């Protein structure tokens, strides 16, 4: 699995929000929230992001499955989710 921070994007304005249809293992359709990320196109949002939604690039990262990964989701090989970084103050 590869993770890519979206902090390099200049602003929230460069990320569009929308929905896309994902197809499960047996052809079941899922209407899923998605973000149009420059350079990657429409990417489905993880459940974690949908439950605590943001379009702030500082709080987002891409998760991309690799062919050798033990678990690869059926619906998409790329997802956008919230970062795993926790800041202490």
C-alpha atoms as a PDB file:
ATOM      1  CA  UNK A   1       0.000   0.000   0.000  1.00  0.00           C
ATOM      2  CA  UNK A   2       1.202   3.479  -0.827  1.00  0.00           C
ATOM      3  CA  UNK A   3       0.035   6.598   0.988  1.00  0.00           C
ATOM      4  CA  UNK A   4       0.335  10.109  -0.414  1.00  0.00           C
ATOM      5  CA  UNK A   5      -0.309  13.271   1.584  1.00  0.00           C
ATOM      6  CA  UNK A   6      -2.367  15.929  -0.184  1.00  0.00           C
ATOM      7  CA  UNK A   7      -0.663  18.802   1.664  1.00  0.00           C
ATOM      8  CA  UNK A   8       1.031  19.804  -1.596  1.00  0.00           C
ATOM      9  CA  UNK A   9      -2.317  20.984  -3.033  1.00  0.00           C
ATOM     10  CA  UNK A  10      -2.661  24.750  -2.813  1.00  0.00           C
ATOM     11  CA  UNK A  11      -6.206  25.033  -1.490  1.00  0.00           C
ATOM     12  CA  UNK A  12      -9.535  23.382  -0.831  1.00  0.00           C
ATOM     13  CA  UNK A  13     -10.845  25.104  -3.978  1.00  0.00           C
ATOM     14  CA  UNK A  14      -8.803  22.705  -6.127  1.00  0.00           C
ATOM     15  CA  UNK A  15     -10.784  19.715  -4.765  1.00  0.00           C
ATOM     16  CA  UNK A  16     -14.317  19.112  -6.068  1.00  0.00           C
ATOM     17  CA  UNK A  17     -16.893  17.041  -4.194  1.00  0.00           C
ATOM     18  CA  UNK A  18     -19.371  14.631  -5.738  1.00  0.00           C
ATOM     19  CA  UNK A  19     -20.494  11.033  -5.833  1.00  0.00           C
ATOM     20  CA  UNK A  20     -19.493   7.952  -7.800  1.00  0.00           C
ATOM     21  CA  UNK A  21     -20.864   4.445  -8.230  1.00  0.00           C
ATOM     22  CA  UNK A  22     -18.692   1.607  -6.965  1.00  0.00           C
ATOM     23  CA  UNK A  23     -19.291  -2.044  -7.847  1.00  0.00           C
ATOM     24  CA  UNK A  24     -18.843  -4.804  -5.262  1.00  0.00           C
ATOM     25  CA  UNK A  25     -17.645  -8.354  -5.750  1.00  0.00           C
ATOM     26  CA  UNK A  26     -20.998  -9.662  -6.973  1.00  0.00           C
ATOM     27  CA  UNK A  27     -21.997  -6.593  -8.977  1.00  0.00           C
ATOM     28  CA  UNK A  28     -23.753  -4.794  -6.128  1.00  0.00           C
ATOM     29  CA  UNK A  29     -23.742  -1.037  -6.693  1.00  0.00           C
ATOM     30  CA  UNK A  30     -22.711   1.467  -4.041  1.00  0.00           C
ATOM     31  CA  UNK A  31     -23.284   5.217  -4.319  1.00  0.00           C
ATOM     32  CA  UNK A  32     -20.213   6.628  -2.595  1.00  0.00           C
ATOM     33  CA  UNK A  33     -19.033  10.162  -1.835  1.00  0.00           C
ATOM     34  CA  UNK A  34     -15.933  11.088  -3.848  1.00  0.00           C
ATOM     35  CA  UNK A  35     -13.425  13.885  -4.335  1.00  0.00           C
ATOM     36  CA  UNK A  36     -12.008  15.038  -7.666  1.00  0.00           C
ATOM     37  CA  UNK A  37      -8.331  15.385  -6.819  1.00  0.00           C
ATOM     38  CA  UNK A  38      -6.056  17.129  -9.328  1.00  0.00           C
ATOM     39  CA  UNK A  39      -3.773  14.580 -10.989  1.00  0.00           C
ATOM     40  CA  UNK A  40      -5.814  11.583  -9.777  1.00  0.00           C
ATOM     41  CA  UNK A  41      -9.384  12.252 -10.935  1.00  0.00           C
ATOM     42  CA  UNK A  42     -12.435  11.103  -8.985  1.00  0.00           C
ATOM     43  CA  UNK A  43     -11.402   9.122  -5.913  1.00  0.00           C
ATOM     44  CA  UNK A  44     -13.898   7.473  -3.529  1.00  0.00           C
ATOM     45  CA  UNK A  45     -13.925   8.643   0.103  1.00  0.00           C
ATOM     46  CA  UNK A  46     -13.239   6.162   2.884  1.00  0.00           C
ATOM     47  CA  UNK A  47     -15.858   5.575   5.581  1.00  0.00           C
ATOM     48  CA  UNK A  48     -13.569   7.396   8.017  1.00  0.00           C
ATOM     49  CA  UNK A  49     -13.641  10.511   5.812  1.00  0.00           C
ATOM     50  CA  UNK A  50     -17.383  10.305   5.151  1.00  0.00           C
ATOM     51  CA  UNK A  51     -18.097  10.206   8.902  1.00  0.00           C
ATOM     52  CA  UNK A  52     -15.871  13.271   9.538  1.00  0.00           C
ATOM     53  CA  UNK A  53     -15.847  15.031   6.164  1.00  0.00           C
ATOM     54  CA  UNK A  54     -13.381  17.675   5.035  1.00  0.00           C
ATOM     55  CA  UNK A  55     -11.805  18.897   1.789  1.00  0.00           C
ATOM     56  CA  UNK A  56      -8.783  20.455   3.492  1.00  0.00           C
ATOM     57  CA  UNK A  57      -5.654  19.077   1.759  1.00  0.00           C
ATOM     58  CA  UNK A  58      -3.745  19.318   5.066  1.00  0.00           C
ATOM     59  CA  UNK A  59      -6.065  16.679   6.540  1.00  0.00           C
ATOM     60  CA  UNK A  60      -6.258  14.263   3.586  1.00  0.00           C
ATOM     61  CA  UNK A  61      -4.186  11.468   2.111  1.00  0.00           C
ATOM     62  CA  UNK A  62      -4.537   8.950  -0.699  1.00  0.00           C
ATOM     63  CA  UNK A  63      -4.279   5.224  -0.040  1.00  0.00           C
ATOM     64  CA  UNK A  64      -3.308   3.237  -3.140  1.00  0.00           C
ATOM     65  CA  UNK A  65      -3.300  -0.573  -3.209  1.00  0.00           C
ATOM     66  CA  UNK A  66      -0.292  -2.398  -4.645  1.00  0.00           C
ATOM     67  CA  UNK A  67      -0.509  -5.776  -6.467  1.00  0.00           C
ATOM     68  CA  UNK A  68       1.374  -7.525  -3.641  1.00  0.00           C
ATOM     69  CA  UNK A  69      -0.873  -6.221  -0.823  1.00  0.00           C
ATOM     70  CA  UNK A  70      -2.533  -8.863   1.337  1.00  0.00           C
ATOM     71  CA  UNK A  71      -5.923  -7.116   1.130  1.00  0.00           C
ATOM     72  CA  UNK A  72      -7.051  -5.158  -1.921  1.00  0.00           C
ATOM     73  CA  UNK A  73     -10.575  -3.712  -1.836  1.00  0.00           C
ATOM     74  CA  UNK A  74     -12.816  -4.969  -4.640  1.00  0.00           C
ATOM     75  CA  UNK A  75     -14.538  -1.635  -5.221  1.00  0.00           C
ATOM     76  CA  UNK A  76     -11.467   0.569  -5.817  1.00  0.00           C
ATOM     77  CA  UNK A  77      -7.666   0.398  -5.705  1.00  0.00           C
ATOM     78  CA  UNK A  78      -7.414   4.043  -4.612  1.00  0.00           C
ATOM     79  CA  UNK A  79      -9.161   5.850  -1.746  1.00  0.00           C
ATOM     80  CA  UNK A  80      -8.995   9.266  -0.102  1.00  0.00           C
ATOM     81  CA  UNK A  81      -9.098   9.329   3.688  1.00  0.00           C
ATOM     82  CA  UNK A  82      -8.207  11.523   6.646  1.00  0.00           C
ATOM     83  CA  UNK A  83      -4.544  11.595   7.628  1.00  0.00           C
ATOM     84  CA  UNK A  84      -3.337   9.400  10.455  1.00  0.00           C
ATOM     85  CA  UNK A  85      -1.194  12.201  11.866  1.00  0.00           C
ATOM     86  CA  UNK A  86      -2.155  13.415  15.335  1.00  0.00           C
ATOM     87  CA  UNK A  87      -0.712  16.671  16.625  1.00  0.00           C
ATOM     88  CA  UNK A  88       0.003  17.275  20.292  1.00  0.00           C
ATOM     89  CA  UNK A  89      -0.229  20.789  21.704  1.00  0.00           C
END
